Amino acid sequence: MSVKERLKRFIKYENLKTKEFESLIKASNGYVNSISKGIGEDKLSNIREHFPNLNVEWLLRGEGSMLKIDQTIRGAYDKVMEGAGISKAMENISTYSSLSQKRDVEEVELENKLLINKVDFLTRENKLLTEMIELIKKKP
């Protein structure tokens, strides 16, 4: 997956239109679609500012998870392995779990919106095709 594809995936995850995203990061219209090799440091800085939970390593190189929050569980595990207090590690895991569930709900809600839009589109397409069939039937 390319940087552009990962960025588009993140924009979709954030439930933004590409133009809205471009405006937020102070980029010109069409910037996202024009990305070929990478993202300039000025735009990357603006992305970091507006989307602090985005894992930039994932965006640029495809390494790790899309969101930094997914790395919280790794931090909790490391603390346990280093002998840190179990209660603090469990607190980190609990935080991750609740945030992960929130993210899962948001992803399902986004998918639901997309499916509703697809159903609307297919319903309109079906109506047009039905009308076309009726016109063809009436034609001598």
C-alpha atoms as a PDB file:
ATOM      1  CA  MET A   1       0.000   0.000   0.000  1.00  0.00           C
ATOM      2  CA  SER A   2       1.408   3.424  -0.931  1.00  0.00           C
ATOM      3  CA  VAL A   3       1.590   6.557   1.215  1.00  0.00           C
ATOM      4  CA  LYS A   4      -1.294   7.991  -0.791  1.00  0.00           C
ATOM      5  CA  GLU A   5      -3.424   4.873  -0.239  1.00  0.00           C
ATOM      6  CA  ARG A   6      -2.691   4.879   3.507  1.00  0.00           C
ATOM      7  CA  LEU A   7      -3.527   8.573   3.725  1.00  0.00           C
ATOM      8  CA  LYS A   8      -6.820   8.005   1.893  1.00  0.00           C
ATOM      9  CA  ARG A   9      -7.601   5.145   4.286  1.00  0.00           C
ATOM     10  CA  PHE A  10      -6.960   7.425   7.260  1.00  0.00           C
ATOM     11  CA  ILE A  11      -9.107  10.194   5.767  1.00  0.00           C
ATOM     12  CA  LYS A  12     -11.914   7.675   5.298  1.00  0.00           C
ATOM     13  CA  TYR A  13     -11.427   6.434   8.868  1.00  0.00           C
ATOM     14  CA  GLU A  14     -11.708  10.034  10.109  1.00  0.00           C
ATOM     15  CA  ASN A  15     -14.957  10.350   8.131  1.00  0.00           C
ATOM     16  CA  LEU A  16     -13.640  13.357   6.252  1.00  0.00           C
ATOM     17  CA  LYS A  17     -13.880  14.335   2.644  1.00  0.00           C
ATOM     18  CA  THR A  18     -10.527  14.685   0.935  1.00  0.00           C
ATOM     19  CA  LYS A  19     -11.100  18.418   0.406  1.00  0.00           C
ATOM     20  CA  GLU A  20     -11.857  18.872   4.119  1.00  0.00           C
ATOM     21  CA  PHE A  21      -8.650  17.059   5.027  1.00  0.00           C
ATOM     22  CA  GLU A  22      -6.633  19.129   2.550  1.00  0.00           C
ATOM     23  CA  SER A  23      -8.087  22.304   4.010  1.00  0.00           C
ATOM     24  CA  LEU A  24      -7.220  21.240   7.571  1.00  0.00           C
ATOM     25  CA  ILE A  25      -3.588  20.622   6.667  1.00  0.00           C
ATOM     26  CA  LYS A  26      -3.408  23.791   4.560  1.00  0.00           C
ATOM     27  CA  ALA A  27      -2.894  21.923   1.294  1.00  0.00           C
ATOM     28  CA  SER A  28      -4.284  22.816  -2.100  1.00  0.00           C
ATOM     29  CA  ASN A  29      -7.264  20.986  -3.588  1.00  0.00           C
ATOM     30  CA  GLY A  30      -6.050  17.808  -5.231  1.00  0.00           C
ATOM     31  CA  TYR A  31      -2.956  17.517  -3.030  1.00  0.00           C
ATOM     32  CA  VAL A  32      -3.813  14.044  -1.728  1.00  0.00           C
ATOM     33  CA  ASN A  33      -4.435  12.637  -5.198  1.00  0.00           C
ATOM     34  CA  SER A  34      -1.191  14.191  -6.469  1.00  0.00           C
ATOM     35  CA  ILE A  35       1.005  12.400  -3.908  1.00  0.00           C
ATOM     36  CA  SER A  36       3.383  10.128  -5.802  1.00  0.00           C
ATOM     37  CA  LYS A  37       6.386   9.404  -3.584  1.00  0.00           C
ATOM     38  CA  GLY A  38       5.860  11.030  -0.219  1.00  0.00           C
ATOM     39  CA  ILE A  39       4.533  13.875   1.881  1.00  0.00           C
ATOM     40  CA  GLY A  40       6.475  17.089   2.315  1.00  0.00           C
ATOM     41  CA  GLU A  41       7.698  18.012   5.801  1.00  0.00           C
ATOM     42  CA  ASP A  42       5.427  21.091   5.971  1.00  0.00           C
ATOM     43  CA  LYS A  43       2.321  19.028   5.221  1.00  0.00           C
ATOM     44  CA  LEU A  44       3.482  16.260   7.550  1.00  0.00           C
ATOM     45  CA  SER A  45       3.869  18.792  10.333  1.00  0.00           C
ATOM     46  CA  ASN A  46       0.315  20.029   9.748  1.00  0.00           C
ATOM     47  CA  ILE A  47      -0.982  16.436   9.716  1.00  0.00           C
ATOM     48  CA  ARG A  48       0.775  15.756  13.054  1.00  0.00           C
ATOM     49  CA  GLU A  49      -0.741  18.914  14.513  1.00  0.00           C
ATOM     50  CA  HIS A  50      -4.324  18.132  13.485  1.00  0.00           C
ATOM     51  CA  PHE A  51      -4.208  14.348  13.904  1.00  0.00           C
ATOM     52  CA  PRO A  52      -1.929  13.565  16.862  1.00  0.00           C
ATOM     53  CA  ASN A  53      -3.206   9.992  17.141  1.00  0.00           C
ATOM     54  CA  LEU A  54      -2.085   9.110  13.597  1.00  0.00           C
ATOM     55  CA  ASN A  55       0.993   6.884  13.626  1.00  0.00           C
ATOM     56  CA  VAL A  56       3.312   8.667  11.185  1.00  0.00           C
ATOM     57  CA  GLU A  57       5.498   5.549  10.807  1.00  0.00           C
ATOM     58  CA  TRP A  58       2.427   3.715   9.516  1.00  0.00           C
ATOM     59  CA  LEU A  59       1.563   6.571   7.175  1.00  0.00           C
ATOM     60  CA  LEU A  60       5.025   6.922   5.677  1.00  0.00           C
ATOM     61  CA  ARG A  61       6.294   3.333   5.735  1.00  0.00           C
ATOM     62  CA  GLY A  62       3.319   1.109   6.516  1.00  0.00           C
ATOM     63  CA  GLU A  63       4.931   0.025   9.779  1.00  0.00           C
ATOM     64  CA  GLY A  64       2.819  -0.605  12.871  1.00  0.00           C
ATOM     65  CA  SER A  65      -0.814   0.344  13.331  1.00  0.00           C
ATOM     66  CA  MET A  66      -2.656   3.268  11.779  1.00  0.00           C
ATOM     67  CA  LEU A  67      -3.323   4.798  15.199  1.00  0.00           C
ATOM     68  CA  LYS A  68      -0.844   5.403  17.999  1.00  0.00           C
ATOM     69  CA  ILE A  69      -3.448   4.158  20.437  1.00  0.00           C
ATOM     70  CA  ASP A  70      -2.890   0.606  19.182  1.00  0.00           C
ATOM     71  CA  GLN A  71       0.659   0.853  20.524  1.00  0.00           C
ATOM     72  CA  THR A  72      -0.606   1.396  24.086  1.00  0.00           C
ATOM     73  CA  ILE A  73      -0.997  -2.350  24.593  1.00  0.00           C
ATOM     74  CA  ARG A  74       2.643  -2.870  23.644  1.00  0.00           C
ATOM     75  CA  GLY A  75       3.683  -0.276  26.226  1.00  0.00           C
ATOM     76  CA  ALA A  76       1.640  -2.034  28.910  1.00  0.00           C
ATOM     77  CA  TYR A  77       3.245  -5.374  28.043  1.00  0.00           C
ATOM     78  CA  ASP A  78       6.729  -3.860  28.147  1.00  0.00           C
ATOM     79  CA  LYS A  79       6.086  -2.430  31.608  1.00  0.00           C
ATOM     80  CA  VAL A  80       5.026  -5.823  32.910  1.00  0.00           C
ATOM     81  CA  MET A  81       8.095  -7.449  31.394  1.00  0.00           C
ATOM     82  CA  GLU A  82      10.358  -4.812  32.956  1.00  0.00           C
ATOM     83  CA  GLY A  83       8.908  -5.600  36.353  1.00  0.00           C
ATOM     84  CA  ALA A  84       6.831  -2.438  36.703  1.00  0.00           C
ATOM     85  CA  GLY A  85       3.754  -2.559  38.921  1.00  0.00           C
ATOM     86  CA  ILE A  86       1.006  -4.848  37.637  1.00  0.00           C
ATOM     87  CA  SER A  87      -1.678  -2.337  38.583  1.00  0.00           C
ATOM     88  CA  LYS A  88      -0.192   0.359  36.320  1.00  0.00           C
ATOM     89  CA  ALA A  89       0.150  -2.116  33.453  1.00  0.00           C
ATOM     90  CA  MET A  90      -3.436  -3.259  33.948  1.00  0.00           C
ATOM     91  CA  GLU A  91      -4.538   0.382  33.932  1.00  0.00           C
ATOM     92  CA  ASN A  92      -2.777   0.839  30.593  1.00  0.00           C
ATOM     93  CA  ILE A  93      -4.437  -2.297  29.209  1.00  0.00           C
ATOM     94  CA  SER A  94      -7.818  -1.113  30.473  1.00  0.00           C
ATOM     95  CA  THR A  95      -7.293   2.270  28.821  1.00  0.00           C
ATOM     96  CA  TYR A  96      -6.304   0.571  25.572  1.00  0.00           C
ATOM     97  CA  SER A  97      -9.317  -1.730  25.743  1.00  0.00           C
ATOM     98  CA  SER A  98     -11.826   1.102  26.171  1.00  0.00           C
ATOM     99  CA  LEU A  99     -10.173   3.205  23.464  1.00  0.00           C
ATOM    100  CA  SER A 100      -9.981   0.209  21.144  1.00  0.00           C
ATOM    101  CA  GLN A 101     -13.678  -0.508  21.675  1.00  0.00           C
ATOM    102  CA  LYS A 102     -14.455   3.134  20.913  1.00  0.00           C
ATOM    103  CA  ARG A 103     -12.390   2.879  17.724  1.00  0.00           C
ATOM    104  CA  ASP A 104     -14.139  -0.369  16.796  1.00  0.00           C
ATOM    105  CA  VAL A 105     -17.531   1.308  17.259  1.00  0.00           C
ATOM    106  CA  GLU A 106     -16.405   4.255  15.144  1.00  0.00           C
ATOM    107  CA  GLU A 107     -15.191   1.911  12.395  1.00  0.00           C
ATOM    108  CA  VAL A 108     -18.504   0.029  12.426  1.00  0.00           C
ATOM    109  CA  GLU A 109     -20.427   3.317  12.325  1.00  0.00           C
ATOM    110  CA  LEU A 110     -18.342   4.477   9.354  1.00  0.00           C
ATOM    111  CA  GLU A 111     -18.887   1.179   7.564  1.00  0.00           C
ATOM    112  CA  ASN A 112     -22.616   1.457   8.297  1.00  0.00           C
ATOM    113  CA  LYS A 113     -22.722   4.957   6.746  1.00  0.00           C
ATOM    114  CA  LEU A 114     -20.914   3.680   3.670  1.00  0.00           C
ATOM    115  CA  LEU A 115     -23.337   0.774   3.331  1.00  0.00           C
ATOM    116  CA  ILE A 116     -26.330   3.102   3.695  1.00  0.00           C
ATOM    117  CA  ASN A 117     -24.911   5.252   0.892  1.00  0.00           C
ATOM    118  CA  LYS A 118     -24.416   2.156  -1.276  1.00  0.00           C
ATOM    119  CA  VAL A 119     -28.010   1.041  -0.636  1.00  0.00           C
ATOM    120  CA  ASP A 120     -29.272   4.518  -1.565  1.00  0.00           C
ATOM    121  CA  PHE A 121     -27.227   4.477  -4.745  1.00  0.00           C
ATOM    122  CA  LEU A 122     -28.402   0.991  -5.717  1.00  0.00           C
ATOM    123  CA  THR A 123     -32.023   1.919  -4.973  1.00  0.00           C
ATOM    124  CA  ARG A 124     -31.761   4.932  -7.298  1.00  0.00           C
ATOM    125  CA  GLU A 125     -30.013   2.845  -9.939  1.00  0.00           C
ATOM    126  CA  ASN A 126     -32.723   0.193  -9.677  1.00  0.00           C
ATOM    127  CA  LYS A 127     -35.416   2.845 -10.092  1.00  0.00           C
ATOM    128  CA  LEU A 128     -33.727   4.222 -13.217  1.00  0.00           C
ATOM    129  CA  LEU A 129     -33.323   0.768 -14.714  1.00  0.00           C
ATOM    130  CA  THR A 130     -36.971  -0.028 -14.001  1.00  0.00           C
ATOM    131  CA  GLU A 131     -38.015   3.183 -15.718  1.00  0.00           C
ATOM    132  CA  MET A 132     -35.812   2.343 -18.702  1.00  0.00           C
ATOM    133  CA  ILE A 133     -37.389  -1.095 -18.967  1.00  0.00           C
ATOM    134  CA  GLU A 134     -40.865   0.436 -18.891  1.00  0.00           C
ATOM    135  CA  LEU A 135     -39.896   2.881 -21.659  1.00  0.00           C
ATOM    136  CA  ILE A 136     -38.507   0.067 -23.777  1.00  0.00           C
ATOM    137  CA  LYS A 137     -41.692  -1.969 -23.298  1.00  0.00           C
ATOM    138  CA  LYS A 138     -43.823   0.974 -24.436  1.00  0.00           C
ATOM    139  CA  LYS A 139     -41.742   1.568 -27.537  1.00  0.00           C
ATOM    140  CA  PRO A 140     -43.414   0.170 -30.709  1.00  0.00           C
END
